[in-house]
Amino acid sequence: MKKAGDHMKTVEHCSNITATFCDLTDVWEVLSETYAVTVDGFRGNTTLVTCFIDFFLATHISLEPPEFDIVDFTDHINVHVNFPPVMPKILDGKVLQFYLPLIIEEQSGGIVKKHNPTLDENVTGNFTYVIDNLLPNTNYCVSVYFKHRNLEEIHRSPVKCTLLPPAQDTGMSF
């Protein structure tokens, strides 16, 4: 593997292996670089095959949507987003926010609102986002996904819906 313009770098854990796959996820260093990967297949000292591919990592990276749950209240919904316990090292919060921003999509009736929560540098574990100022006794649906620059690459989570409870009656009449 090499970064464009740099020297060739051997990925030790992918050298001299018999497996058909080698994970390079934690080898990438700069998301905005173009990388070139060369794979040589040998038998003894004879090269049988050489494969080469180059790609711009920022446009080829793809993440599955995070798991999430919703908890409804009278006028708001708490969206509990569960990131995987381990994310690729290259995807710290700032990089993830720029290249693959998290979108929490709220739908009610024919209206779709997109929320763009700000992620800190620690994108592992869980966090809660509050969708507020909602109408009681109304259906709302929520989806969570990473917005890829190539819109064809969006992997949306399953939509979760809820009917907010009616507003509390104060028991006072005029």
N, C-alpha and C. Protein backbone atom coordinates (compact mmCIF):
# COMPACT_ATOMS: atom_id res chain seq x y z
N MET A 1 0.84 -1.17 0.00
CA MET A 1 0.00 0.00 0.00
C MET A 1 0.88 1.23 0.00
N LYS A 2 0.50 2.26 -0.71
CA LYS A 2 1.24 3.51 -0.66
C LYS A 2 0.28 4.68 -0.75
N LYS A 3 0.68 5.78 -0.13
CA LYS A 3 -0.03 7.03 -0.34
C LYS A 3 0.54 7.63 -1.61
N ALA A 4 -0.30 8.28 -2.38
CA ALA A 4 0.17 8.89 -3.62
C ALA A 4 1.35 9.80 -3.34
N GLY A 5 2.45 9.62 -4.09
CA GLY A 5 3.62 10.46 -3.91
C GLY A 5 4.58 9.98 -2.84
N ASP A 6 4.23 9.00 -2.06
CA ASP A 6 5.11 8.49 -1.02
C ASP A 6 5.73 7.17 -1.45
N HIS A 7 6.62 6.67 -0.60
CA HIS A 7 7.25 5.37 -0.86
C HIS A 7 6.24 4.26 -0.60
N MET A 8 6.51 3.12 -1.21
CA MET A 8 5.66 1.95 -0.99
C MET A 8 5.81 1.51 0.46
N LYS A 9 4.71 1.11 1.07
CA LYS A 9 4.70 0.67 2.47
C LYS A 9 4.17 -0.75 2.51
N THR A 10 4.90 -1.64 3.15
CA THR A 10 4.45 -3.01 3.30
C THR A 10 3.60 -3.11 4.56
N VAL A 11 2.45 -3.70 4.44
CA VAL A 11 1.56 -3.90 5.58
C VAL A 11 1.90 -5.27 6.16
N GLU A 12 2.61 -5.26 7.27
CA GLU A 12 3.18 -6.51 7.81
C GLU A 12 2.13 -7.58 8.08
N HIS A 13 0.99 -7.21 8.67
CA HIS A 13 0.00 -8.24 9.00
C HIS A 13 -0.71 -8.77 7.75
N CYS A 14 -0.41 -8.18 6.60
CA CYS A 14 -1.00 -8.66 5.34
C CYS A 14 0.06 -9.29 4.42
N SER A 15 1.26 -9.47 4.93
CA SER A 15 2.34 -10.04 4.13
C SER A 15 2.48 -11.53 4.39
N ASN A 16 2.78 -12.26 3.33
CA ASN A 16 3.03 -13.71 3.43
C ASN A 16 1.89 -14.44 4.13
N ILE A 17 0.67 -14.16 3.69
CA ILE A 17 -0.50 -14.81 4.28
C ILE A 17 -1.18 -15.69 3.24
N THR A 18 -1.95 -16.65 3.70
CA THR A 18 -2.69 -17.52 2.78
C THR A 18 -4.17 -17.15 2.75
N ALA A 19 -4.59 -16.22 3.59
CA ALA A 19 -5.99 -15.80 3.62
C ALA A 19 -6.35 -15.04 2.35
N THR A 20 -7.62 -15.05 1.99
CA THR A 20 -8.07 -14.33 0.79
C THR A 20 -8.43 -12.88 1.08
N PHE A 21 -8.32 -12.45 2.35
CA PHE A 21 -8.72 -11.12 2.74
C PHE A 21 -7.78 -10.60 3.81
N CYS A 22 -7.50 -9.31 3.76
CA CYS A 22 -6.70 -8.67 4.81
C CYS A 22 -7.31 -7.31 5.10
N ASP A 23 -7.59 -7.03 6.37
CA ASP A 23 -8.24 -5.80 6.78
C ASP A 23 -7.22 -4.66 6.87
N LEU A 24 -7.39 -3.66 6.05
CA LEU A 24 -6.50 -2.50 6.04
C LEU A 24 -7.10 -1.29 6.77
N THR A 25 -8.22 -1.48 7.42
CA THR A 25 -8.97 -0.37 8.02
C THR A 25 -8.10 0.53 8.88
N ASP A 26 -7.28 -0.04 9.75
CA ASP A 26 -6.49 0.78 10.66
C ASP A 26 -5.15 1.19 10.08
N VAL A 27 -4.92 0.93 8.81
CA VAL A 27 -3.69 1.33 8.15
C VAL A 27 -3.83 2.71 7.52
N TRP A 28 -5.04 3.05 7.10
CA TRP A 28 -5.27 4.36 6.48
C TRP A 28 -4.95 5.45 7.49
N GLU A 29 -4.27 6.50 7.03
CA GLU A 29 -3.85 7.56 7.94
C GLU A 29 -4.55 8.89 7.68
N VAL A 30 -4.85 9.17 6.42
CA VAL A 30 -5.43 10.46 6.06
C VAL A 30 -6.64 10.20 5.16
N LEU A 31 -7.80 10.57 5.63
CA LEU A 31 -9.03 10.29 4.89
C LEU A 31 -9.09 11.03 3.56
N SER A 32 -8.45 12.18 3.48
CA SER A 32 -8.54 12.99 2.26
C SER A 32 -7.44 12.66 1.24
N GLU A 33 -6.75 11.54 1.41
CA GLU A 33 -5.70 11.12 0.48
C GLU A 33 -6.21 10.09 -0.51
N THR A 34 -5.53 10.00 -1.65
CA THR A 34 -5.76 8.91 -2.59
C THR A 34 -4.74 7.82 -2.26
N TYR A 35 -5.22 6.60 -2.11
CA TYR A 35 -4.35 5.47 -1.79
C TYR A 35 -4.27 4.53 -2.97
N ALA A 36 -3.12 3.90 -3.09
CA ALA A 36 -2.92 2.89 -4.12
C ALA A 36 -2.54 1.59 -3.43
N VAL A 37 -3.20 0.52 -3.80
CA VAL A 37 -2.94 -0.79 -3.18
C VAL A 37 -2.46 -1.73 -4.28
N THR A 38 -1.35 -2.39 -4.01
CA THR A 38 -0.83 -3.41 -4.92
C THR A 38 -0.79 -4.72 -4.17
N VAL A 39 -1.33 -5.75 -4.79
CA VAL A 39 -1.30 -7.09 -4.20
C VAL A 39 -0.56 -8.00 -5.18
N ASP A 40 0.46 -8.67 -4.68
CA ASP A 40 1.22 -9.61 -5.49
C ASP A 40 0.96 -11.01 -4.97
N GLY A 41 0.65 -11.92 -5.88
CA GLY A 41 0.46 -13.33 -5.53
C GLY A 41 1.66 -14.13 -5.99
N PHE A 42 2.25 -14.88 -5.07
CA PHE A 42 3.46 -15.65 -5.37
C PHE A 42 3.23 -17.14 -5.17
N ARG A 43 4.03 -17.90 -5.86
CA ARG A 43 4.23 -19.32 -5.55
C ARG A 43 5.75 -19.48 -5.55
N GLY A 44 6.28 -19.70 -4.34
CA GLY A 44 7.74 -19.72 -4.22
C GLY A 44 8.29 -18.34 -4.53
N ASN A 45 9.24 -18.27 -5.45
CA ASN A 45 9.82 -16.99 -5.85
C ASN A 45 9.20 -16.44 -7.12
N THR A 46 8.17 -17.12 -7.64
CA THR A 46 7.55 -16.72 -8.89
C THR A 46 6.28 -15.91 -8.63
N THR A 47 6.20 -14.73 -9.25
CA THR A 47 5.00 -13.90 -9.15
C THR A 47 3.96 -14.45 -10.11
N LEU A 48 2.81 -14.85 -9.58
CA LEU A 48 1.73 -15.40 -10.40
C LEU A 48 0.76 -14.32 -10.87
N VAL A 49 0.51 -13.34 -10.03
CA VAL A 49 -0.46 -12.30 -10.35
C VAL A 49 -0.10 -11.03 -9.59
N THR A 50 -0.39 -9.89 -10.22
CA THR A 50 -0.24 -8.60 -9.57
C THR A 50 -1.53 -7.82 -9.82
N CYS A 51 -2.12 -7.32 -8.76
CA CYS A 51 -3.35 -6.53 -8.85
C CYS A 51 -3.07 -5.14 -8.29
N PHE A 52 -3.66 -4.13 -8.90
CA PHE A 52 -3.45 -2.75 -8.48
C PHE A 52 -4.78 -2.01 -8.50
N ILE A 53 -5.03 -1.22 -7.47
CA ILE A 53 -6.21 -0.35 -7.45
C ILE A 53 -5.84 0.91 -6.67
N ASP A 54 -6.34 2.03 -7.13
CA ASP A 54 -6.18 3.26 -6.35
C ASP A 54 -7.57 3.86 -6.14
N PHE A 55 -7.71 4.57 -5.04
CA PHE A 55 -9.02 5.14 -4.70
C PHE A 55 -8.85 6.29 -3.74
N PHE A 56 -9.82 7.20 -3.81
CA PHE A 56 -9.88 8.34 -2.89
C PHE A 56 -10.72 7.88 -1.71
N LEU A 57 -10.09 7.71 -0.58
CA LEU A 57 -10.72 7.10 0.59
C LEU A 57 -12.01 7.82 1.00
N ALA A 58 -12.01 9.14 0.96
CA ALA A 58 -13.18 9.90 1.44
C ALA A 58 -14.44 9.59 0.64
N THR A 59 -14.30 9.24 -0.63
CA THR A 59 -15.49 8.95 -1.43
C THR A 59 -15.81 7.46 -1.48
N HIS A 60 -14.90 6.63 -1.00
CA HIS A 60 -15.13 5.18 -1.06
C HIS A 60 -15.46 4.57 0.30
N ILE A 61 -15.32 5.34 1.36
CA ILE A 61 -15.60 4.79 2.69
C ILE A 61 -17.12 4.70 2.88
N SER A 62 -17.54 3.68 3.56
CA SER A 62 -18.97 3.47 3.78
C SER A 62 -19.17 2.93 5.18
N LEU A 63 -20.12 3.48 5.89
CA LEU A 63 -20.42 3.01 7.24
C LEU A 63 -21.89 2.61 7.31
N GLU A 64 -22.13 1.51 7.99
CA GLU A 64 -23.51 1.12 8.26
C GLU A 64 -24.09 2.13 9.25
N PRO A 65 -25.38 2.36 9.22
CA PRO A 65 -25.96 3.30 10.18
C PRO A 65 -25.84 2.75 11.59
N PRO A 66 -25.68 3.64 12.57
CA PRO A 66 -25.60 3.16 13.95
C PRO A 66 -26.95 2.64 14.42
N GLU A 67 -26.91 1.77 15.41
CA GLU A 67 -28.15 1.31 16.05
C GLU A 67 -28.71 2.49 16.85
N PHE A 68 -30.03 2.53 17.00
CA PHE A 68 -30.62 3.59 17.81
C PHE A 68 -31.97 3.12 18.36
N ASP A 69 -32.38 3.78 19.43
CA ASP A 69 -33.69 3.56 20.04
C ASP A 69 -34.33 4.92 20.25
N ILE A 70 -35.66 4.92 20.33
CA ILE A 70 -36.36 6.17 20.62
C ILE A 70 -37.23 5.99 21.85
N VAL A 71 -37.33 7.07 22.63
CA VAL A 71 -38.21 7.10 23.80
C VAL A 71 -39.08 8.34 23.64
N ASP A 72 -40.39 8.13 23.65
CA ASP A 72 -41.28 9.26 23.42
C ASP A 72 -41.78 9.87 24.72
N PHE A 73 -41.99 11.17 24.66
CA PHE A 73 -42.58 11.95 25.75
C PHE A 73 -43.71 12.77 25.12
N THR A 74 -44.35 13.60 25.88
CA THR A 74 -45.49 14.36 25.37
C THR A 74 -45.11 15.28 24.22
N ASP A 75 -43.98 15.98 24.34
CA ASP A 75 -43.62 16.98 23.33
C ASP A 75 -42.20 16.83 22.79
N HIS A 76 -41.56 15.70 23.07
CA HIS A 76 -40.22 15.48 22.52
C HIS A 76 -39.91 13.99 22.45
N ILE A 77 -38.88 13.68 21.69
CA ILE A 77 -38.41 12.30 21.55
C ILE A 77 -36.93 12.28 21.86
N ASN A 78 -36.51 11.36 22.73
CA ASN A 78 -35.09 11.13 22.96
C ASN A 78 -34.62 10.05 21.99
N VAL A 79 -33.60 10.36 21.22
CA VAL A 79 -33.01 9.40 20.28
C VAL A 79 -31.69 8.94 20.89
N HIS A 80 -31.62 7.68 21.30
CA HIS A 80 -30.40 7.11 21.88
C HIS A 80 -29.63 6.43 20.75
N VAL A 81 -28.49 7.02 20.37
CA VAL A 81 -27.67 6.50 19.27
C VAL A 81 -26.55 5.66 19.87
N ASN A 82 -26.39 4.46 19.36
CA ASN A 82 -25.38 3.52 19.87
C ASN A 82 -24.33 3.29 18.80
N PHE A 83 -23.17 3.95 18.96
CA PHE A 83 -22.08 3.72 18.03
C PHE A 83 -21.42 2.40 18.36
N PRO A 84 -20.76 1.80 17.37
CA PRO A 84 -20.04 0.55 17.67
C PRO A 84 -18.96 0.81 18.71
N PRO A 85 -18.59 -0.21 19.49
CA PRO A 85 -17.57 -0.01 20.52
C PRO A 85 -16.21 0.36 19.93
N VAL A 86 -15.96 -0.01 18.68
CA VAL A 86 -14.68 0.31 18.04
C VAL A 86 -14.97 0.87 16.66
N MET A 87 -14.44 2.05 16.39
CA MET A 87 -14.55 2.65 15.06
C MET A 87 -13.15 2.68 14.47
N PRO A 88 -13.02 2.70 13.15
CA PRO A 88 -11.69 2.84 12.56
C PRO A 88 -11.00 4.08 13.10
N LYS A 89 -9.70 3.97 13.38
CA LYS A 89 -8.95 5.07 13.98
C LYS A 89 -9.02 6.36 13.17
N ILE A 90 -9.11 6.23 11.87
CA ILE A 90 -9.12 7.41 11.01
C ILE A 90 -10.39 8.24 11.19
N LEU A 91 -11.43 7.64 11.74
CA LEU A 91 -12.72 8.32 11.88
C LEU A 91 -12.91 8.91 13.26
N ASP A 92 -12.05 9.86 13.65
CA ASP A 92 -12.32 10.55 14.90
C ASP A 92 -13.50 11.50 14.65
N GLY A 93 -13.97 12.13 15.67
CA GLY A 93 -15.19 12.93 15.56
C GLY A 93 -15.13 14.02 14.52
N LYS A 94 -14.01 14.76 14.44
CA LYS A 94 -13.91 15.86 13.48
C LYS A 94 -13.93 15.34 12.04
N VAL A 95 -13.19 14.28 11.78
CA VAL A 95 -13.15 13.72 10.43
C VAL A 95 -14.51 13.15 10.07
N LEU A 96 -15.11 12.43 10.99
CA LEU A 96 -16.42 11.84 10.74
C LEU A 96 -17.46 12.93 10.47
N GLN A 97 -17.43 13.99 11.26
CA GLN A 97 -18.39 15.09 11.10
C GLN A 97 -18.26 15.75 9.73
N PHE A 98 -17.04 15.85 9.21
CA PHE A 98 -16.83 16.51 7.92
C PHE A 98 -17.18 15.61 6.74
N TYR A 99 -16.69 14.37 6.77
CA TYR A 99 -16.85 13.48 5.62
C TYR A 99 -18.13 12.65 5.65
N LEU A 100 -18.57 12.26 6.84
CA LEU A 100 -19.76 11.42 6.96
C LEU A 100 -20.61 11.92 8.11
N PRO A 101 -21.20 13.10 7.99
CA PRO A 101 -21.97 13.63 9.12
C PRO A 101 -23.16 12.74 9.47
N LEU A 102 -23.44 12.66 10.76
CA LEU A 102 -24.58 11.90 11.25
C LEU A 102 -25.85 12.71 11.03
N ILE A 103 -26.87 12.07 10.49
CA ILE A 103 -28.16 12.71 10.26
C ILE A 103 -29.22 11.96 11.06
N ILE A 104 -30.02 12.70 11.82
CA ILE A 104 -31.19 12.13 12.48
C ILE A 104 -32.39 12.75 11.77
N GLU A 105 -33.14 11.89 11.10
CA GLU A 105 -34.25 12.37 10.27
C GLU A 105 -35.57 12.14 10.99
N GLU A 106 -36.34 13.20 11.10
CA GLU A 106 -37.65 13.17 11.77
C GLU A 106 -38.73 13.36 10.71
N GLN A 107 -39.74 12.50 10.73
CA GLN A 107 -40.82 12.60 9.75
C GLN A 107 -42.17 12.62 10.47
N SER A 108 -43.04 13.50 10.02
CA SER A 108 -44.40 13.54 10.55
C SER A 108 -45.30 14.08 9.45
N GLY A 109 -46.34 13.32 9.13
CA GLY A 109 -47.17 13.72 8.00
C GLY A 109 -46.30 13.71 6.75
N GLY A 110 -46.33 14.76 5.99
CA GLY A 110 -45.48 14.85 4.81
C GLY A 110 -44.23 15.68 5.04
N ILE A 111 -43.96 16.03 6.30
CA ILE A 111 -42.84 16.91 6.61
C ILE A 111 -41.65 16.09 7.09
N VAL A 112 -40.48 16.36 6.50
CA VAL A 112 -39.23 15.71 6.90
C VAL A 112 -38.28 16.78 7.40
N LYS A 113 -37.75 16.59 8.61
CA LYS A 113 -36.75 17.50 9.17
C LYS A 113 -35.48 16.71 9.42
N LYS A 114 -34.35 17.29 9.03
CA LYS A 114 -33.06 16.64 9.24
C LYS A 114 -32.30 17.38 10.33
N HIS A 115 -31.86 16.63 11.32
CA HIS A 115 -31.08 17.17 12.43
C HIS A 115 -29.63 16.73 12.24
N ASN A 116 -28.70 17.65 12.47
CA ASN A 116 -27.27 17.37 12.30
C ASN A 116 -26.56 17.53 13.64
N PRO A 117 -26.61 16.52 14.50
CA PRO A 117 -25.94 16.65 15.79
C PRO A 117 -24.43 16.77 15.61
N THR A 118 -23.81 17.56 16.46
CA THR A 118 -22.36 17.71 16.44
C THR A 118 -21.75 16.58 17.26
N LEU A 119 -20.78 15.90 16.65
CA LEU A 119 -20.11 14.80 17.33
C LEU A 119 -18.80 15.29 17.91
N ASP A 120 -18.47 14.82 19.11
CA ASP A 120 -17.16 15.16 19.65
C ASP A 120 -16.16 14.15 19.11
N GLU A 121 -14.92 14.21 19.60
CA GLU A 121 -13.88 13.33 19.07
C GLU A 121 -14.07 11.88 19.45
N ASN A 122 -14.86 11.60 20.47
CA ASN A 122 -15.08 10.22 20.90
C ASN A 122 -16.41 9.74 20.33
N VAL A 123 -16.37 9.06 19.21
CA VAL A 123 -17.61 8.62 18.57
C VAL A 123 -17.92 7.16 18.86
N THR A 124 -17.31 6.63 19.91
CA THR A 124 -17.66 5.27 20.31
C THR A 124 -18.64 5.36 21.47
N GLY A 125 -19.37 4.31 21.70
CA GLY A 125 -20.32 4.30 22.80
C GLY A 125 -21.65 4.88 22.38
N ASN A 126 -22.31 5.57 23.31
CA ASN A 126 -23.67 6.03 23.08
C ASN A 126 -23.79 7.53 23.34
N PHE A 127 -24.78 8.14 22.72
CA PHE A 127 -25.16 9.50 23.09
C PHE A 127 -26.64 9.67 22.81
N THR A 128 -27.23 10.69 23.42
CA THR A 128 -28.66 10.95 23.27
C THR A 128 -28.86 12.31 22.62
N TYR A 129 -29.75 12.34 21.65
CA TYR A 129 -30.12 13.57 20.97
C TYR A 129 -31.61 13.78 21.22
N VAL A 130 -32.01 15.00 21.55
CA VAL A 130 -33.41 15.30 21.85
C VAL A 130 -34.02 16.06 20.68
N ILE A 131 -35.10 15.49 20.14
CA ILE A 131 -35.91 16.20 19.14
C ILE A 131 -37.06 16.81 19.92
N ASP A 132 -37.06 18.15 20.03
CA ASP A 132 -38.06 18.78 20.89
C ASP A 132 -39.03 19.64 20.09
N ASN A 133 -39.92 20.30 20.82
CA ASN A 133 -40.97 21.16 20.25
C ASN A 133 -41.89 20.38 19.32
N LEU A 134 -42.25 19.17 19.73
CA LEU A 134 -43.14 18.33 18.94
C LEU A 134 -44.57 18.47 19.44
N LEU A 135 -45.51 18.10 18.60
CA LEU A 135 -46.92 18.19 18.96
C LEU A 135 -47.39 16.91 19.63
N PRO A 136 -48.05 17.03 20.79
CA PRO A 136 -48.59 15.84 21.45
C PRO A 136 -49.62 15.15 20.56
N ASN A 137 -49.84 13.88 20.81
CA ASN A 137 -50.85 13.09 20.12
C ASN A 137 -50.63 13.09 18.59
N THR A 138 -49.35 13.01 18.20
CA THR A 138 -48.97 13.04 16.79
C THR A 138 -47.99 11.90 16.50
N ASN A 139 -48.10 11.31 15.31
CA ASN A 139 -47.16 10.27 14.88
C ASN A 139 -45.86 10.90 14.39
N TYR A 140 -44.74 10.34 14.84
CA TYR A 140 -43.42 10.75 14.37
C TYR A 140 -42.62 9.51 14.05
N CYS A 141 -41.82 9.59 12.99
CA CYS A 141 -40.91 8.50 12.63
C CYS A 141 -39.49 9.06 12.60
N VAL A 142 -38.53 8.23 12.99
CA VAL A 142 -37.13 8.66 13.10
C VAL A 142 -36.25 7.64 12.38
N SER A 143 -35.24 8.15 11.68
CA SER A 143 -34.22 7.33 11.05
C SER A 143 -32.87 7.97 11.33
N VAL A 144 -31.83 7.16 11.44
CA VAL A 144 -30.48 7.65 11.72
C VAL A 144 -29.54 7.07 10.67
N TYR A 145 -28.67 7.92 10.12
CA TYR A 145 -27.73 7.43 9.11
C TYR A 145 -26.56 8.41 8.97
N PHE A 146 -25.50 7.94 8.32
CA PHE A 146 -24.38 8.79 7.97
C PHE A 146 -24.60 9.30 6.54
N LYS A 147 -24.52 10.61 6.35
CA LYS A 147 -24.73 11.19 5.02
C LYS A 147 -23.41 11.16 4.27
N HIS A 148 -23.34 10.35 3.26
CA HIS A 148 -22.15 10.22 2.44
C HIS A 148 -22.17 11.29 1.37
N ARG A 149 -21.01 11.76 0.95
CA ARG A 149 -20.95 12.77 -0.11
C ARG A 149 -21.53 12.23 -1.41
N ASN A 150 -21.39 10.93 -1.63
CA ASN A 150 -21.99 10.28 -2.79
C ASN A 150 -23.36 9.79 -2.33
N LEU A 151 -24.41 10.51 -2.66
CA LEU A 151 -25.74 10.23 -2.12
C LEU A 151 -26.25 8.83 -2.43
N GLU A 152 -25.68 8.18 -3.45
CA GLU A 152 -26.09 6.81 -3.75
C GLU A 152 -25.61 5.83 -2.70
N GLU A 153 -24.66 6.23 -1.87
CA GLU A 153 -24.05 5.34 -0.90
C GLU A 153 -24.69 5.40 0.48
N ILE A 154 -25.78 6.11 0.66
CA ILE A 154 -26.40 6.23 1.98
C ILE A 154 -27.04 4.91 2.38
N HIS A 155 -26.65 4.44 3.56
CA HIS A 155 -27.26 3.25 4.14
C HIS A 155 -28.14 3.73 5.28
N ARG A 156 -29.44 3.70 5.08
CA ARG A 156 -30.37 4.19 6.09
C ARG A 156 -30.70 3.09 7.09
N SER A 157 -30.92 3.51 8.31
CA SER A 157 -31.36 2.58 9.34
C SER A 157 -32.85 2.31 9.15
N PRO A 158 -33.35 1.23 9.72
CA PRO A 158 -34.80 1.02 9.70
C PRO A 158 -35.48 2.18 10.43
N VAL A 159 -36.62 2.60 9.92
CA VAL A 159 -37.37 3.70 10.52
C VAL A 159 -38.08 3.20 11.77
N LYS A 160 -38.06 4.02 12.82
CA LYS A 160 -38.79 3.70 14.06
C LYS A 160 -39.81 4.79 14.28
N CYS A 161 -41.04 4.38 14.57
CA CYS A 161 -42.15 5.34 14.69
C CYS A 161 -42.79 5.25 16.07
N THR A 162 -43.41 6.36 16.47
CA THR A 162 -44.12 6.40 17.74
C THR A 162 -45.26 7.41 17.65
N LEU A 163 -46.27 7.20 18.45
CA LEU A 163 -47.37 8.16 18.61
C LEU A 163 -47.15 8.83 19.95
N LEU A 164 -46.86 10.13 19.92
CA LEU A 164 -46.65 10.83 21.18
C LEU A 164 -47.94 10.83 21.98
N PRO A 165 -47.83 10.70 23.30
CA PRO A 165 -49.04 10.70 24.12
C PRO A 165 -49.72 12.06 24.08
N PRO A 166 -51.02 12.08 24.38
CA PRO A 166 -51.72 13.37 24.42
C PRO A 166 -51.20 14.22 25.57
N ALA A 167 -51.40 15.53 25.44
CA ALA A 167 -50.99 16.45 26.50
C ALA A 167 -51.79 16.14 27.76
N GLN A 168 -51.17 16.37 28.90
CA GLN A 168 -51.85 16.14 30.18
C GLN A 168 -52.96 17.16 30.37
N ASP A 169 -54.12 16.70 30.75
CA ASP A 169 -55.23 17.60 31.06
C ASP A 169 -55.02 18.09 32.48
N THR A 170 -55.05 19.39 32.67
CA THR A 170 -54.82 19.96 34.00
C THR A 170 -56.01 19.78 34.92
N GLY A 171 -57.14 19.39 34.37
CA GLY A 171 -58.32 19.19 35.19
C GLY A 171 -59.07 20.47 35.48
N MET A 172 -58.59 21.60 34.97
CA MET A 172 -59.26 22.88 35.21
C MET A 172 -60.19 23.17 34.04
N SER A 173 -61.37 23.65 34.33
CA SER A 173 -62.29 24.05 33.26
C SER A 173 -62.76 25.47 33.52
N PHE A 174 -63.06 26.16 32.48
CA PHE A 174 -63.48 27.56 32.61
C PHE A 174 -64.87 27.72 32.12
